[in-house]
Structure formats: C-alpha cells, structure tokens
Amino acid sequence: MLKTFWRWLVYSSADANKFSLTVKAVLIGALTFATTLAGFAQVQLPTEQLTVLVDQLIFVLQTFIGLCAGITAVYGAIRKLSLTYLGENAALK
C-alpha cells in the first residue's frame, strides 16, 4: 500500500518513467524558499543604490520562481488527482 502511494506521489501520472510535476515544483519552491532564508539576496556592493537595486531584482526573481513553482505544484496535483479518478494514471498501471 505504501509503495503504491509512493509511486502515485513521485512518478508522473502522464508518463510513469518521469518524476511528477508536483514533486518537481515543490522541490523548486523549497529551493527558492531556502535561498531566501539563507540570505543569498544580501549581496554587498560598493554603492548603496546598486545594492538596493540588486536586492530588489533578486527579490522579484525569487518571488516569480516561487509563484511559478506554486502554480505548477497545484496544476500537477490537480492533473494527478483527475487522472487517478479517471483511472488513467500511468504510475499506477
């Protein structure tokens, strides 16, 4: 039972030879979150204005990647659930 759930969660419902879109998106989101927490956005540059500009650009990039990862995770989960409900989940065949 646990092995079936693991296959269902990790492998793609469209192609059982690939990892699921949901898992990929969650890993990208976790990586983005980890870089934010680690403070990689704090780049020390000679001028204050340039530092602020770089910090803002990195924040926008991290926000965009996080948003894309969240949307992708939701889409992947909905696709996985719908294909499972329809009996067309390739990971369970």
Protein backbone atom coordinates (compact mmCIF):
# COMPACT_ATOMS: atom_id res chain seq x y z
CA MET A 1 0.00 0.00 0.00
CA LEU A 2 2.78 2.44 0.93
CA LYS A 3 4.75 1.52 -2.19
CA THR A 4 1.70 2.22 -4.37
CA PHE A 5 1.18 5.59 -2.68
CA TRP A 6 4.87 6.42 -3.15
CA ARG A 7 4.67 5.58 -6.88
CA TRP A 8 1.48 7.64 -7.15
CA LEU A 9 3.09 10.63 -5.45
CA VAL A 10 6.55 10.62 -7.02
CA TYR A 11 6.02 9.45 -10.60
CA SER A 12 4.21 11.32 -13.35
CA SER A 13 0.59 10.40 -13.95
CA ALA A 14 1.08 11.08 -17.67
CA ASP A 15 4.35 9.12 -18.10
CA ALA A 16 5.42 6.68 -15.39
CA ASN A 17 9.09 6.98 -16.46
CA LYS A 18 9.28 10.63 -15.34
CA PHE A 19 9.01 12.37 -12.00
CA SER A 20 5.71 14.10 -11.25
CA LEU A 21 5.23 17.76 -11.98
CA THR A 22 4.05 18.30 -8.42
CA VAL A 23 7.26 16.90 -6.92
CA LYS A 24 9.44 18.96 -9.26
CA ALA A 25 7.54 22.15 -8.41
CA VAL A 26 7.69 21.51 -4.67
CA LEU A 27 11.46 20.98 -4.88
CA ILE A 28 11.92 24.21 -6.85
CA GLY A 29 9.73 26.06 -4.37
CA ALA A 30 11.68 24.63 -1.45
CA LEU A 31 14.96 25.65 -3.07
CA THR A 32 13.68 29.19 -3.62
CA PHE A 33 12.46 29.35 -0.02
CA ALA A 34 15.80 28.03 1.26
CA THR A 35 17.80 30.63 -0.67
CA THR A 36 15.56 33.35 0.72
CA LEU A 37 16.06 32.12 4.27
CA ALA A 38 19.78 31.72 3.82
CA GLY A 39 20.08 35.35 2.83
CA PHE A 40 21.69 34.86 -0.55
CA ALA A 41 19.92 38.05 -1.63
CA GLN A 42 22.25 40.09 0.59
CA VAL A 43 24.94 40.98 -1.93
CA GLN A 44 27.40 43.59 -0.73
CA LEU A 45 28.24 46.05 -3.50
CA PRO A 46 30.22 49.30 -3.30
CA THR A 47 27.32 51.72 -3.63
CA GLU A 48 24.13 51.72 -1.63
CA GLN A 49 21.88 52.32 -4.66
CA LEU A 50 23.35 49.42 -6.61
CA THR A 51 22.96 47.12 -3.59
CA VAL A 52 19.29 48.09 -3.25
CA LEU A 53 18.72 47.55 -6.98
CA VAL A 54 20.31 44.09 -6.93
CA ASP A 55 18.38 43.15 -3.79
CA GLN A 56 15.11 44.20 -5.43
CA LEU A 57 15.88 42.29 -8.64
CA ILE A 58 16.73 39.15 -6.68
CA PHE A 59 13.55 39.52 -4.63
CA VAL A 60 11.46 39.84 -7.82
CA LEU A 61 13.19 36.80 -9.34
CA GLN A 62 12.68 34.71 -6.19
CA THR A 63 9.04 35.77 -5.98
CA PHE A 64 8.46 34.90 -9.64
CA ILE A 65 10.13 31.49 -9.31
CA GLY A 66 8.21 30.78 -6.12
CA LEU A 67 4.92 31.79 -7.74
CA CYS A 68 5.62 29.62 -10.80
CA ALA A 69 6.54 26.70 -8.54
CA GLY A 70 3.31 27.10 -6.58
CA ILE A 71 1.14 27.28 -9.70
CA THR A 72 2.94 24.28 -11.19
CA ALA A 73 2.50 22.26 -7.99
CA VAL A 74 -1.23 22.99 -7.89
CA TYR A 75 -1.62 22.16 -11.59
CA GLY A 76 0.35 18.92 -11.17
CA ALA A 77 -1.70 17.88 -8.14
CA ILE A 78 -4.99 18.57 -9.94
CA ARG A 79 -3.79 16.63 -13.00
CA LYS A 80 -2.62 13.73 -10.85
CA LEU A 81 -5.91 13.57 -8.93
CA SER A 82 -8.05 13.85 -12.06
CA LEU A 83 -6.08 11.17 -13.94
CA THR A 84 -6.25 8.91 -10.89
CA TYR A 85 -10.00 9.46 -10.62
CA LEU A 86 -10.44 8.67 -14.33
CA GLY A 87 -8.28 5.54 -13.99
CA GLU A 88 -5.67 6.83 -16.45
CA ASN A 89 -2.77 7.38 -14.03
CA ALA A 90 0.28 5.85 -15.75
CA ALA A 91 2.16 5.50 -12.44
CA LEU A 92 -0.47 3.08 -11.13
CA LYS A 93 -0.58 0.81 -14.20
